[in-house]
Amino acid sequence: MNILHYFLGFPPLHGGGLMIYATNLAEEQLKMGHKVFLLMPGEYISFIGKSKIKYYGIQESLPIYKIVNSHPFTLSGIKNPKKFIKPKNKNNYSLLLKNLNIEVLHVHSLIGFPKEILVQAKRLGIKTVFTTHDYFGICPRVDLFKYNHTQCDDYKSGSECVLCNLNASNKTIVRRNIQLLIPSFYDSARNIYKRIKKTFLHPKKKKEEILHIESNLNPSLHKIDQNKAKRFTMFREYYKNIIENFDLIIFNSSITKREFFKYINIDKNKTKILHVTHSSIKDNRNKINYAPVKDGKVNFTYMGPLNYKKGFFDLVDVFKRIKNNYSNWQLNIYGDCSHLDLKPFHKDFFKFYGKYTHNDFINIFSNSSVLIIPSKWKETFGFIGLEAFSYGIPAIVSENVGFGDLIENKLNGVIYTEDKDNKNLEKEIINILKNPETLLKYNKEIKEGKFSFDMNSHCKKVLDFYMGSE
């Protein structure tokens, strides 16, 4: 079978879970004897009307192609929606699909993805598949998380999108163009900027100051440009049409499926929930000597960006509230903290370890009693929860987290219901502090449960879904 995966590129062009999953899936399909190709958005030059696919290179034994002048690449909002739905009628898409004899087009994000590729693939009888790693298309900012740090349930005919994208810029488009066209210049400029920043800029800016720029945005102070609101509505309709025209849709969690079904109309028989994984996920459940209490304390672990979207500051507030009544805990924090003022954090309770890599996991989880994932956005899945499970570490997760599909509440972990003041999260943390032996039960259940997260098994399920046999 000849398979073409559309993804967002390798580092430094793009990183994270989507990149890892898409490339690992492609590599596994290659091992199984399929011919596999990768396609990514390339440089975007607005004044050039023609778009074309060009050969880019080989990485991990996979041929990579790029779409020159596809739709712009952005992860941080949209300044002008018209650029993201502009027709790409002058293109060579059909020629490439024919030359590579593609049988399956598997799309992992709609960022930069032109509708014409889907249309031409369907005309050629190519099966089209979409996996939902993000919400781009139904949300210009990718995450359905608003400027005031609340979930978006109603974009109000585009007016809410105008507010959420007020601070959007073209810097990601410019940066990607430089990375693709003159990579050596980009690397040099980036290194110079880092040295200047380290020398002249104060590194300890308070995160609250940075993030409250948007949370203090008062809609009443801004007259909504109704023409722009209409363009955001057109943006959504454009991508809604793309999503509805895929032959098959793979949702990576039940949460993602529920969110997409609020906006799209598609035959449920053409959809499937398949929880994502990656090739570094191994069964390490017996590699560490698990203990719910170490040195008299429950070791709660947080891993990821330190921001409101991931629920970090809400989590900190909860622990600060309980500190006076419960002292048998510490919160181990893994993630870039260079922008934080650490002075307000009590050193006996809050331990900052900075950035981490996959190689650090055994040490991190060896010193963890329980992982906490307190996301405030509708997190599509969450690899870090699966990583913890692979080491036998139970998790406390928000109902917003797609990884929660793998948790049986109060059997192998905890799923808590979101509320305004985070009282439910507080309650679950206190329950653990009062009865830490509960974590032993969760750990035992994880260890005795079936481990079916290897990439080979997952790949077979994906291939079966392509063929309509699952």
Protein backbone atom coordinates (compact mmCIF):
# COMPACT_ATOMS: atom_id res chain seq x y z
CA MET A 1 0.00 0.00 0.00
CA ASN A 2 1.27 3.51 -0.85
CA ILE A 3 0.54 5.92 2.00
CA LEU A 4 1.07 9.69 2.19
CA HIS A 5 1.06 11.28 5.66
CA TYR A 6 0.48 15.04 5.94
CA PHE A 7 2.12 16.35 9.13
CA LEU A 8 3.77 19.61 10.24
CA GLY A 9 7.44 18.73 9.87
CA PHE A 10 10.42 17.63 11.95
CA PRO A 11 12.23 19.84 14.49
CA PRO A 12 13.04 22.68 14.36
CA LEU A 13 10.06 23.24 12.04
CA HIS A 14 7.73 21.49 14.44
CA GLY A 15 7.90 19.17 17.43
CA GLY A 16 5.67 17.64 20.08
CA GLY A 17 3.23 14.76 20.16
CA LEU A 18 1.79 15.19 16.66
CA MET A 19 5.23 15.00 15.05
CA ILE A 20 6.26 12.01 17.16
CA TYR A 21 3.07 10.08 16.48
CA ALA A 22 2.85 10.76 12.73
CA THR A 23 6.48 9.86 12.07
CA ASN A 24 6.45 6.80 14.33
CA LEU A 25 3.29 5.54 12.59
CA ALA A 26 4.90 6.13 9.18
CA GLU A 27 8.06 4.30 10.27
CA GLU A 28 6.04 1.34 11.53
CA GLN A 29 4.09 1.14 8.28
CA LEU A 30 7.41 1.23 6.41
CA LYS A 31 8.68 -1.72 8.50
CA MET A 32 5.55 -3.65 7.53
CA GLY A 33 6.44 -3.32 3.86
CA HIS A 34 4.29 -0.38 2.80
CA LYS A 35 5.61 2.53 0.72
CA VAL A 36 5.31 5.59 2.91
CA PHE A 37 5.84 9.29 2.17
CA LEU A 38 5.59 12.44 4.29
CA LEU A 39 4.14 15.79 3.22
CA MET A 40 4.39 19.05 5.16
CA PRO A 41 3.58 22.75 4.68
CA GLY A 42 6.56 24.59 3.18
CA GLU A 43 7.38 28.25 2.75
CA TYR A 44 4.47 30.62 2.29
CA ILE A 45 4.82 33.55 -0.13
CA SER A 46 1.53 35.43 -0.29
CA PHE A 47 2.10 37.29 -3.58
CA ILE A 48 2.76 34.07 -5.51
CA GLY A 49 -0.53 32.60 -6.68
CA LYS A 50 0.74 29.17 -7.67
CA SER A 51 1.22 26.38 -5.15
CA LYS A 52 3.30 23.29 -5.81
CA ILE A 53 4.62 20.23 -4.04
CA LYS A 54 8.40 19.80 -4.16
CA TYR A 55 10.76 17.11 -2.90
CA TYR A 56 12.37 18.17 0.39
CA GLY A 57 14.64 15.32 1.49
CA ILE A 58 14.81 12.06 3.44
CA GLN A 59 14.65 11.65 7.20
CA GLU A 60 14.32 8.40 9.14
CA SER A 61 14.26 6.59 5.75
CA LEU A 62 11.09 8.47 4.83
CA PRO A 63 10.90 10.67 1.69
CA ILE A 64 9.58 14.12 2.60
CA TYR A 65 7.78 16.55 0.31
CA LYS A 66 6.79 20.13 1.05
CA ILE A 67 3.91 22.27 -0.22
CA VAL A 68 5.31 25.59 -1.40
CA ASN A 69 2.78 28.38 -0.85
CA SER A 70 0.18 26.24 0.84
CA HIS A 71 -1.91 27.95 3.50
CA PRO A 72 0.13 29.79 6.17
CA PHE A 73 1.51 27.88 9.16
CA THR A 74 0.45 29.19 12.56
CA LEU A 75 -0.05 27.87 16.08
CA SER A 76 -0.75 31.15 17.84
CA GLY A 77 -3.73 32.73 16.15
CA ILE A 78 -4.72 34.24 12.83
CA LYS A 79 -4.38 37.84 11.77
CA ASN A 80 -6.15 37.59 8.42
CA PRO A 81 -8.55 34.62 7.96
CA LYS A 82 -8.76 35.21 4.19
CA LYS A 83 -5.18 33.98 3.72
CA PHE A 84 -6.08 30.65 5.28
CA ILE A 85 -8.94 29.87 2.91
CA LYS A 86 -7.57 31.33 -0.31
CA PRO A 87 -8.09 28.86 -3.22
CA LYS A 88 -5.01 27.06 -4.53
CA ASN A 89 -6.35 26.43 -8.03
CA LYS A 90 -2.92 26.64 -9.70
CA ASN A 91 -1.09 23.62 -8.34
CA ASN A 92 0.58 20.29 -9.14
CA TYR A 93 -1.09 18.29 -6.37
CA SER A 94 -2.76 15.77 -8.64
CA LEU A 95 0.50 15.10 -10.49
CA LEU A 96 2.34 14.17 -7.29
CA LEU A 97 -0.48 11.94 -6.06
CA LYS A 98 -0.45 10.12 -9.39
CA ASN A 99 3.35 9.85 -9.64
CA LEU A 100 3.62 8.35 -6.15
CA ASN A 101 0.60 6.14 -6.82
CA ILE A 102 -0.88 7.13 -3.45
CA GLU A 103 -3.66 4.88 -2.15
CA VAL A 104 -4.19 6.46 1.27
CA LEU A 105 -3.84 10.13 2.24
CA HIS A 106 -3.60 10.38 6.03
CA VAL A 107 -3.83 13.95 7.38
CA HIS A 108 -2.69 14.70 10.96
CA SER A 109 -3.54 18.42 11.12
CA LEU A 110 -5.34 20.97 8.97
CA ILE A 111 -2.73 23.66 9.66
CA GLY A 112 -1.42 24.73 6.26
CA PHE A 113 -3.53 22.08 4.51
CA PRO A 114 -5.19 23.24 1.24
CA LYS A 115 -8.65 21.93 0.44
CA GLU A 116 -7.58 21.21 -3.15
CA ILE A 117 -5.36 18.31 -2.04
CA LEU A 118 -8.35 16.56 -0.51
CA VAL A 119 -10.54 17.27 -3.53
CA GLN A 120 -7.99 15.90 -5.98
CA ALA A 121 -7.24 12.87 -3.82
CA LYS A 122 -10.93 11.95 -3.78
CA ARG A 123 -11.19 12.43 -7.56
CA LEU A 124 -8.34 9.96 -7.96
CA GLY A 125 -10.08 7.40 -5.76
CA ILE A 126 -7.56 7.78 -2.92
CA LYS A 127 -8.88 6.93 0.54
CA THR A 128 -8.68 10.01 2.77
CA VAL A 129 -8.16 9.78 6.54
CA PHE A 130 -7.98 12.46 9.23
CA THR A 131 -6.58 12.02 12.75
CA THR A 132 -7.55 14.71 15.26
CA HIS A 133 -4.43 15.88 17.12
CA ASP A 134 -5.62 19.48 17.47
CA TYR A 135 -8.71 21.64 16.90
CA PHE A 136 -7.43 23.77 14.04
CA GLY A 137 -10.24 24.38 11.59
CA ILE A 138 -12.90 24.67 14.23
CA CYS A 139 -10.58 26.95 16.24
CA PRO A 140 -8.09 29.41 14.67
CA ARG A 141 -6.00 29.22 17.86
CA VAL A 142 -5.90 25.40 17.73
CA ASP A 143 -7.08 24.68 21.29
CA LEU A 144 -10.63 26.06 21.83
CA PHE A 145 -9.19 28.02 24.78
CA LYS A 146 -10.17 31.68 24.90
CA TYR A 147 -8.30 34.93 25.54
CA ASN A 148 -9.70 35.00 29.10
CA HIS A 149 -8.47 31.47 29.92
CA THR A 150 -11.85 29.78 29.62
CA GLN A 151 -13.06 27.11 27.21
CA CYS A 152 -14.75 28.19 24.01
CA ASP A 153 -18.23 26.71 23.70
CA ASP A 154 -19.71 29.39 21.46
CA TYR A 155 -17.69 31.46 19.02
CA LYS A 156 -20.71 33.76 18.48
CA SER A 157 -20.70 33.82 14.69
CA GLY A 158 -17.02 34.74 14.64
CA SER A 159 -16.99 37.69 17.07
CA GLU A 160 -15.26 35.65 19.79
CA CYS A 161 -12.63 34.59 17.25
CA VAL A 162 -11.90 38.26 16.56
CA LEU A 163 -11.16 38.86 20.26
CA CYS A 164 -9.09 35.69 20.65
CA ASN A 165 -6.95 36.66 17.67
CA LEU A 166 -6.43 40.36 18.44
CA ASN A 167 -2.80 39.73 19.37
CA ALA A 168 -2.07 37.32 16.53
CA SER A 169 0.99 38.06 14.41
CA ASN A 170 2.76 36.74 11.33
CA LYS A 171 5.98 35.90 13.16
CA THR A 172 5.50 32.12 12.97
CA ILE A 173 4.96 32.40 9.20
CA VAL A 174 8.11 34.49 8.80
CA ARG A 175 10.13 32.21 11.07
CA ARG A 176 9.12 29.08 9.19
CA ASN A 177 9.99 30.72 5.85
CA ILE A 178 13.47 31.53 7.14
CA GLN A 179 13.91 28.04 8.59
CA LEU A 180 13.05 26.48 5.23
CA LEU A 181 14.78 28.90 2.86
CA ILE A 182 17.90 29.96 4.78
CA PRO A 183 18.26 27.56 7.73
CA SER A 184 21.89 28.49 8.47
CA PHE A 185 20.92 32.16 8.88
CA TYR A 186 18.04 31.18 11.19
CA ASP A 187 20.33 29.10 13.43
CA SER A 188 22.88 31.92 13.66
CA ALA A 189 20.26 34.60 14.34
CA ARG A 190 18.61 32.42 16.99
CA ASN A 191 21.90 31.85 18.82
CA ILE A 192 22.70 35.58 18.74
CA TYR A 193 19.23 36.41 20.10
CA LYS A 194 19.66 33.91 22.94
CA ARG A 195 22.98 35.48 23.94
CA ILE A 196 21.51 38.99 23.84
CA LYS A 197 18.48 37.92 25.85
CA LYS A 198 20.65 36.20 28.46
CA THR A 199 22.92 39.23 28.77
CA PHE A 200 20.50 42.15 28.67
CA LEU A 201 17.02 40.89 29.54
CA HIS A 202 15.86 39.88 32.99
CA PRO A 203 15.00 36.16 32.75
CA LYS A 204 12.66 36.06 35.73
CA LYS A 205 9.58 37.81 34.40
CA LYS A 206 6.50 36.79 36.30
CA LYS A 207 4.31 34.44 34.30
CA GLU A 208 1.25 36.13 35.73
CA GLU A 209 2.27 39.43 34.12
CA ILE A 210 2.76 37.79 30.74
CA LEU A 211 -0.43 35.79 30.74
CA HIS A 212 -2.73 38.43 32.20
CA ILE A 213 -2.14 40.58 29.12
CA GLU A 214 -4.84 38.55 27.43
CA SER A 215 -6.94 37.72 30.49
CA ASN A 216 -7.37 41.45 31.18
CA LEU A 217 -8.63 42.04 27.66
CA ASN A 218 -12.06 43.58 28.12
CA PRO A 219 -14.34 42.89 25.14
CA SER A 220 -16.33 46.05 25.89
CA LEU A 221 -13.21 48.13 25.12
CA HIS A 222 -12.99 46.74 21.59
CA LYS A 223 -15.45 47.39 18.85
CA ILE A 224 -15.84 44.08 17.04
CA ASP A 225 -15.09 44.37 13.33
CA GLN A 226 -18.15 42.58 11.93
CA ASN A 227 -16.53 42.08 8.53
CA LYS A 228 -13.65 40.29 10.23
CA ALA A 229 -16.11 38.25 12.29
CA LYS A 230 -17.74 37.13 9.04
CA ARG A 231 -14.35 36.12 7.68
CA PHE A 232 -13.76 33.95 10.75
CA THR A 233 -17.16 32.36 10.14
CA MET A 234 -16.07 31.67 6.56
CA PHE A 235 -12.82 30.23 7.94
CA ARG A 236 -14.77 27.74 10.04
CA GLU A 237 -17.10 26.82 7.20
CA TYR A 238 -14.12 26.22 4.89
CA TYR A 239 -12.49 23.74 7.28
CA LYS A 240 -15.79 22.24 8.38
CA ASN A 241 -16.33 21.29 4.74
CA ILE A 242 -12.87 19.72 4.59
CA ILE A 243 -13.43 17.65 7.73
CA GLU A 244 -16.84 16.44 6.58
CA ASN A 245 -15.40 15.26 3.27
CA PHE A 246 -12.78 12.88 4.67
CA ASP A 247 -13.67 9.23 4.11
CA LEU A 248 -12.56 8.26 7.62
CA ILE A 249 -11.85 10.16 10.84
CA ILE A 250 -9.77 8.80 13.71
CA PHE A 251 -10.41 10.52 17.02
CA ASN A 252 -7.60 10.09 19.53
CA SER A 253 -9.99 10.29 22.49
CA SER A 254 -13.69 10.42 23.33
CA ILE A 255 -13.25 14.09 24.36
CA THR A 256 -11.94 14.99 20.91
CA LYS A 257 -14.82 13.18 19.28
CA ARG A 258 -17.40 15.04 21.39
CA GLU A 259 -15.80 18.41 20.59
CA PHE A 260 -15.66 17.79 16.84
CA PHE A 261 -19.22 16.48 16.73
CA LYS A 262 -20.42 19.81 18.10
CA TYR A 263 -19.37 21.37 14.80
CA ILE A 264 -19.31 18.72 12.07
CA ASN A 265 -21.82 16.39 10.45
CA ILE A 266 -20.41 13.01 9.55
CA ASP A 267 -21.56 9.40 9.54
CA LYS A 268 -20.49 7.90 12.87
CA ASN A 269 -19.75 4.65 11.05
CA LYS A 270 -16.87 6.44 9.31
CA THR A 271 -15.23 7.34 12.63
CA LYS A 272 -13.26 5.48 15.24
CA ILE A 273 -11.59 6.30 18.55
CA LEU A 274 -7.99 5.07 18.56
CA HIS A 275 -5.82 6.23 21.43
CA VAL A 276 -2.46 7.35 20.09
CA THR A 277 0.91 6.04 21.23
CA HIS A 278 4.51 6.21 20.05
CA SER A 279 7.43 3.86 19.55
CA SER A 280 9.22 4.85 22.78
CA ILE A 281 6.31 3.64 24.90
CA LYS A 282 7.51 0.37 26.47
CA ASP A 283 6.21 -1.80 29.27
CA ASN A 284 8.34 -0.44 32.14
CA ARG A 285 5.79 -1.15 34.84
CA ASN A 286 8.19 -3.28 36.90
CA LYS A 287 11.33 -1.20 36.36
CA ILE A 288 10.95 0.95 39.46
CA ASN A 289 10.27 0.15 43.12
CA TYR A 290 7.04 2.04 43.58
CA ALA A 291 6.24 3.60 46.94
CA PRO A 292 3.34 6.01 47.56
CA VAL A 293 5.26 7.81 50.32
CA LYS A 294 8.95 8.71 50.37
CA ASP A 295 10.62 10.45 53.29
CA GLY A 296 7.22 10.98 54.81
CA LYS A 297 5.81 12.80 51.78
CA VAL A 298 3.54 12.06 48.85
CA ASN A 299 5.39 13.12 45.71
CA PHE A 300 2.93 14.74 43.32
CA THR A 301 4.40 15.31 39.84
CA TYR A 302 3.47 17.92 37.24
CA MET A 303 5.03 17.75 33.77
CA GLY A 304 4.55 20.19 30.92
CA PRO A 305 4.23 23.91 30.14
CA LEU A 306 3.74 26.15 33.17
CA ASN A 307 0.68 28.09 32.03
CA TYR A 308 -3.05 28.56 32.59
CA LYS A 309 -4.12 26.37 29.68
CA LYS A 310 -2.44 23.34 31.26
CA GLY A 311 -3.89 24.22 34.66
CA PHE A 312 -0.51 24.82 36.32
CA PHE A 313 -1.44 27.99 38.19
CA ASP A 314 -4.76 26.53 39.36
CA LEU A 315 -2.86 23.52 40.69
CA VAL A 316 -0.42 25.75 42.53
CA ASP A 317 -3.31 27.70 44.09
CA VAL A 318 -4.87 24.45 45.33
CA PHE A 319 -1.65 23.32 46.98
CA LYS A 320 -1.13 26.73 48.57
CA ARG A 321 -4.64 26.48 50.06
CA ILE A 322 -4.02 23.11 51.69
CA LYS A 323 -0.45 23.85 52.85
CA ASN A 324 -1.46 25.05 56.31
CA ASN A 325 -3.48 21.91 57.11
CA TYR A 326 -1.43 19.26 55.28
CA SER A 327 2.34 19.14 55.11
CA ASN A 328 2.99 15.54 53.98
CA TRP A 329 3.50 16.44 50.32
CA GLN A 330 5.72 18.05 47.74
CA LEU A 331 5.00 19.03 44.16
CA ASN A 332 7.73 18.07 41.70
CA ILE A 333 7.50 20.42 38.72
CA TYR A 334 9.09 19.52 35.38
CA GLY A 335 8.96 22.11 32.61
CA ASP A 336 10.60 25.35 31.50
CA CYS A 337 10.46 27.69 34.49
CA SER A 338 12.90 30.32 33.20
CA HIS A 339 10.08 32.88 32.90
CA LEU A 340 8.84 32.40 36.47
CA ASP A 341 9.67 34.31 39.62
CA LEU A 342 10.28 31.39 42.00
CA LYS A 343 10.45 33.48 45.18
CA PRO A 344 6.73 33.10 46.07
CA PHE A 345 7.02 29.29 45.92
CA HIS A 346 7.85 27.68 49.28
CA LYS A 347 10.99 25.60 48.69
CA ASP A 348 9.93 22.87 51.12
CA PHE A 349 6.86 22.11 49.03
CA PHE A 350 7.47 23.23 45.43
CA LYS A 351 10.47 21.67 43.67
CA PHE A 352 11.36 23.00 40.20
CA TYR A 353 13.47 20.74 37.98
CA GLY A 354 13.29 22.59 34.65
CA LYS A 355 13.10 21.05 31.20
CA TYR A 356 13.14 17.30 30.73
CA THR A 357 13.63 14.72 27.98
CA HIS A 358 12.44 11.18 27.43
CA ASN A 359 15.74 9.94 28.91
CA ASP A 360 14.80 11.52 32.24
CA PHE A 361 11.57 9.56 32.65
CA ILE A 362 12.93 6.68 34.72
CA ASN A 363 14.39 9.13 37.27
CA ILE A 364 11.28 11.32 37.25
CA PHE A 365 8.86 8.45 37.77
CA SER A 366 11.13 6.75 40.32
CA ASN A 367 10.51 9.83 42.47
CA SER A 368 6.79 10.10 41.76
CA SER A 369 3.85 8.91 43.82
CA VAL A 370 1.22 10.22 41.43
CA LEU A 371 1.09 12.35 38.27
CA ILE A 372 -1.35 15.28 38.08
CA ILE A 373 -2.74 16.50 34.73
CA PRO A 374 -4.98 19.48 35.58
CA SER A 375 -5.60 20.78 32.04
CA LYS A 376 -8.19 23.51 31.57
CA TRP A 377 -8.46 23.05 27.80
CA LYS A 378 -10.02 20.02 26.15
CA GLU A 379 -6.71 18.20 25.81
CA THR A 380 -6.99 15.84 22.85
CA PHE A 381 -5.03 13.04 24.53
CA GLY A 382 -1.87 13.68 26.59
CA PHE A 383 1.15 11.44 26.05
CA ILE A 384 2.59 12.19 29.48
CA GLY A 385 -0.23 10.24 31.16
CA LEU A 386 0.55 7.22 29.00
CA GLU A 387 4.25 7.58 29.82
CA ALA A 388 3.42 7.52 33.54
CA PHE A 389 1.20 4.44 33.11
CA SER A 390 4.03 2.67 31.30
CA TYR A 391 6.03 2.98 34.55
CA GLY A 392 3.11 2.01 36.76
CA ILE A 393 2.52 5.53 38.05
CA PRO A 394 -1.15 6.39 38.69
CA ALA A 395 -2.58 9.74 37.64
CA ILE A 396 -5.08 12.33 38.83
CA VAL A 397 -6.54 13.91 35.71
CA SER A 398 -9.09 16.55 34.87
CA GLU A 399 -12.19 15.46 33.01
CA ASN A 400 -10.82 17.65 30.20
CA VAL A 401 -7.96 15.25 29.45
CA GLY A 402 -8.33 12.71 26.63
CA PHE A 403 -5.95 10.32 28.37
CA GLY A 404 -8.72 9.89 30.95
CA ASP A 405 -10.27 7.33 28.57
CA LEU A 406 -7.66 4.87 29.90
CA ILE A 407 -8.47 5.52 33.55
CA GLU A 408 -11.10 3.59 35.45
CA ASN A 409 -11.99 6.12 38.11
CA LYS A 410 -10.91 5.12 41.62
CA LEU A 411 -9.63 1.79 40.30
CA ASN A 412 -6.35 2.66 38.55
CA GLY A 413 -6.39 6.44 38.94
CA VAL A 414 -8.64 9.44 39.51
CA ILE A 415 -10.72 11.59 37.17
CA TYR A 416 -12.11 14.72 38.79
CA THR A 417 -14.90 17.02 37.62
CA GLU A 418 -13.97 20.60 36.83
CA ASP A 419 -15.47 23.37 38.95
CA LYS A 420 -14.92 27.10 39.24
CA ASP A 421 -12.76 27.09 42.39
CA ASN A 422 -11.00 23.74 41.81
CA LYS A 423 -12.65 22.32 44.94
CA ASN A 424 -12.95 18.85 43.36
CA LEU A 425 -9.23 18.75 42.57
CA GLU A 426 -8.50 19.90 46.13
CA LYS A 427 -10.76 17.16 47.50
CA GLU A 428 -8.97 14.43 45.53
CA ILE A 429 -5.53 15.66 46.60
CA ILE A 430 -6.61 15.71 50.26
CA ASN A 431 -8.05 12.19 49.92
CA ILE A 432 -4.64 11.00 48.73
CA LEU A 433 -2.85 12.81 51.56
CA LYS A 434 -5.18 11.22 54.12
CA ASN A 435 -4.98 7.76 52.53
CA PRO A 436 -1.77 7.48 50.47
CA GLU A 437 -2.05 3.67 50.52
CA THR A 438 -4.84 4.13 47.95
CA LEU A 439 -2.08 4.80 45.43
CA LEU A 440 -0.73 1.28 46.02
CA LYS A 441 -4.07 -0.10 44.89
CA TYR A 442 -3.96 2.02 41.75
CA ASN A 443 -0.35 1.00 41.05
CA LYS A 444 -1.19 -2.68 41.46
CA GLU A 445 -4.16 -2.38 39.10
CA ILE A 446 -1.99 -0.70 36.45
CA LYS A 447 0.69 -3.38 36.76
CA GLU A 448 -1.80 -6.24 36.53
CA GLY A 449 -3.76 -4.71 33.68
CA LYS A 450 -3.19 -5.44 30.01
CA PHE A 451 -0.45 -3.39 28.35
CA SER A 452 -1.43 -2.82 24.72
CA PHE A 453 0.17 0.49 23.83
CA ASP A 454 2.99 -0.69 21.54
CA MET A 455 3.20 1.00 18.15
CA ASN A 456 3.05 -2.27 16.20
CA SER A 457 -0.37 -3.18 17.59
CA HIS A 458 -1.62 0.36 17.11
CA CYS A 459 -0.37 0.45 13.52
CA LYS A 460 -2.27 -2.74 12.71
CA LYS A 461 -5.47 -1.16 14.03
CA VAL A 462 -4.90 1.92 11.85
CA LEU A 463 -4.26 -0.22 8.75
CA ASP A 464 -7.37 -2.28 9.47
CA PHE A 465 -9.39 0.91 9.69
CA TYR A 466 -7.98 2.06 6.35
CA MET A 467 -9.21 -1.17 4.81
CA GLY A 468 -12.60 -1.10 6.51
CA SER A 469 -12.01 -4.30 8.47
CA GLU A 470 -12.29 -2.73 11.89
